[in-house]
Protein backbone atom coordinates (compact mmCIF):
# COMPACT_ATOMS: atom_id res chain seq x y z
CA LYS A 1 93.47 65.26 103.45
CA ASP A 2 89.91 65.95 104.53
CA LYS A 3 88.19 66.80 101.27
CA LEU A 4 84.76 66.74 102.88
CA TRP A 5 85.79 69.44 105.36
CA ASP A 6 87.56 71.49 102.67
CA SER A 7 84.30 71.76 100.78
CA LYS A 8 82.68 73.26 103.91
CA LEU A 9 85.18 76.12 104.17
CA ILE A 10 83.16 78.32 101.82
CA SER A 11 80.06 77.83 103.98
CA LEU A 12 82.06 78.69 107.07
CA ALA A 13 83.37 81.84 105.41
CA GLU A 14 79.83 82.89 104.48
CA LYS A 15 78.55 82.31 108.04
CA LEU A 16 81.41 84.35 109.49
CA ARG A 17 80.73 87.12 106.98
CA SER A 18 77.04 87.25 107.85
CA ASP A 19 77.98 87.46 111.55
CA GLY A 20 80.23 90.45 110.82
CA LEU A 21 83.53 88.65 111.40
CA MET A 22 85.08 89.99 108.22
CA ASP A 23 88.71 89.19 109.03
CA LYS A 24 87.86 85.59 109.95
CA ALA A 25 85.74 85.22 106.82
CA ILE A 26 88.69 86.39 104.71
CA GLU A 27 90.88 83.74 106.36
CA GLN A 28 88.40 81.00 105.51
CA TYR A 29 87.93 82.15 101.91
CA GLN A 30 91.72 82.19 101.48
CA ASP A 31 92.00 78.78 103.14
CA TYR A 32 89.39 77.50 100.68
CA LEU A 33 91.35 78.81 97.69
CA ASP A 34 94.56 77.29 99.06
CA LYS A 35 93.09 73.84 99.74
CA VAL A 36 90.36 73.21 97.19
CA PRO A 37 91.09 72.84 93.47
CA VAL A 38 88.64 75.25 91.84
CA ASP A 39 88.01 76.41 88.29
CA LEU A 40 88.87 79.96 87.31
CA ALA A 41 85.26 81.19 87.48
CA THR A 42 84.97 80.01 91.09
CA ARG A 43 88.38 81.46 91.92
CA ALA A 44 87.21 84.79 90.50
CA GLN A 45 83.99 84.76 92.57
CA VAL A 46 85.79 83.90 95.81
CA SER A 47 88.45 86.52 95.08
CA LEU A 48 85.68 89.05 94.56
CA SER A 49 84.18 88.13 97.93
CA ILE A 50 87.56 88.64 99.59
CA ALA A 51 87.98 92.00 97.83
CA ASP A 52 84.54 93.13 99.02
CA LEU A 53 85.38 92.15 102.59
CA TYR A 54 88.64 94.08 102.49
CA MET A 55 86.71 97.10 101.21
CA GLU A 56 84.30 96.79 104.13
CA LEU A 57 87.34 96.81 106.42
CA SER A 58 88.66 99.92 104.58
CA ASN A 59 91.78 98.00 103.56
CA PHE A 60 91.79 99.32 100.01
CA ARG A 61 95.29 98.08 99.16
CA GLU A 62 94.37 94.44 99.85
CA ALA A 63 90.96 94.91 98.22
CA LEU A 64 92.62 96.10 95.02
CA VAL A 65 94.96 93.09 94.98
CA TRP A 66 91.96 90.75 95.21
CA PHE A 67 89.95 92.65 92.59
CA TYR A 68 92.89 92.18 90.23
CA LYS A 69 93.12 88.48 91.11
CA ALA A 70 89.41 88.14 90.31
CA GLU A 71 89.92 89.91 86.99
CA LEU A 72 92.88 87.72 86.03
CA ALA A 73 90.97 84.56 86.90
CA ASN A 74 87.95 85.66 84.86
CA PRO A 75 88.30 88.77 82.66
CA GLU A 76 84.52 88.78 82.13
CA ILE A 77 84.09 89.79 85.77
CA VAL A 78 84.94 93.40 84.90
CA LYS A 79 81.57 93.57 83.16
CA THR A 80 79.67 92.80 86.38
CA GLU A 81 77.79 95.64 87.95
CA GLY A 82 79.89 97.79 90.21
CA PHE A 83 83.24 96.13 89.54
CA SER A 84 84.89 99.15 87.89
CA ALA A 85 83.45 101.53 90.48
CA LYS A 86 84.91 99.43 93.32
CA VAL A 87 88.33 99.33 91.66
CA ASP A 88 88.17 103.11 91.13
CA THR A 89 87.24 103.62 94.79
CA CYS A 90 90.23 101.53 95.91
CA GLN A 91 92.61 103.38 93.59
CA THR A 92 91.29 106.77 94.78
CA GLN A 93 91.57 105.81 98.45
CA ILE A 94 95.13 104.55 97.97
CA LYS A 95 96.15 107.77 96.18
CA THR A 96 94.52 109.87 98.92
CA VAL A 97 96.48 108.07 101.62
CA ARG A 98 99.77 108.60 99.74
CA ARG A 99 99.39 112.38 99.79
């Protein structure tokens, strides 16, 4: 297993994100979480990044899943600025689509 490369996946995800390749960035962030043993705080931060990307793609269902994963990994994350507002936005968008 290439541990050196695994540690670069987060950098790759960030480069893809900055280039506007949101779906590819999500893949790399998820690959990172699958391959690299991380603590819960890191898992929460990466999950939050994935959630934000899904929001940018207007995929509010997936965004909400990842916001909840971030919260479960680190309950303190709900206190960060904007977290509750983002969750509310996702919930509202999902309810609007159901109607």
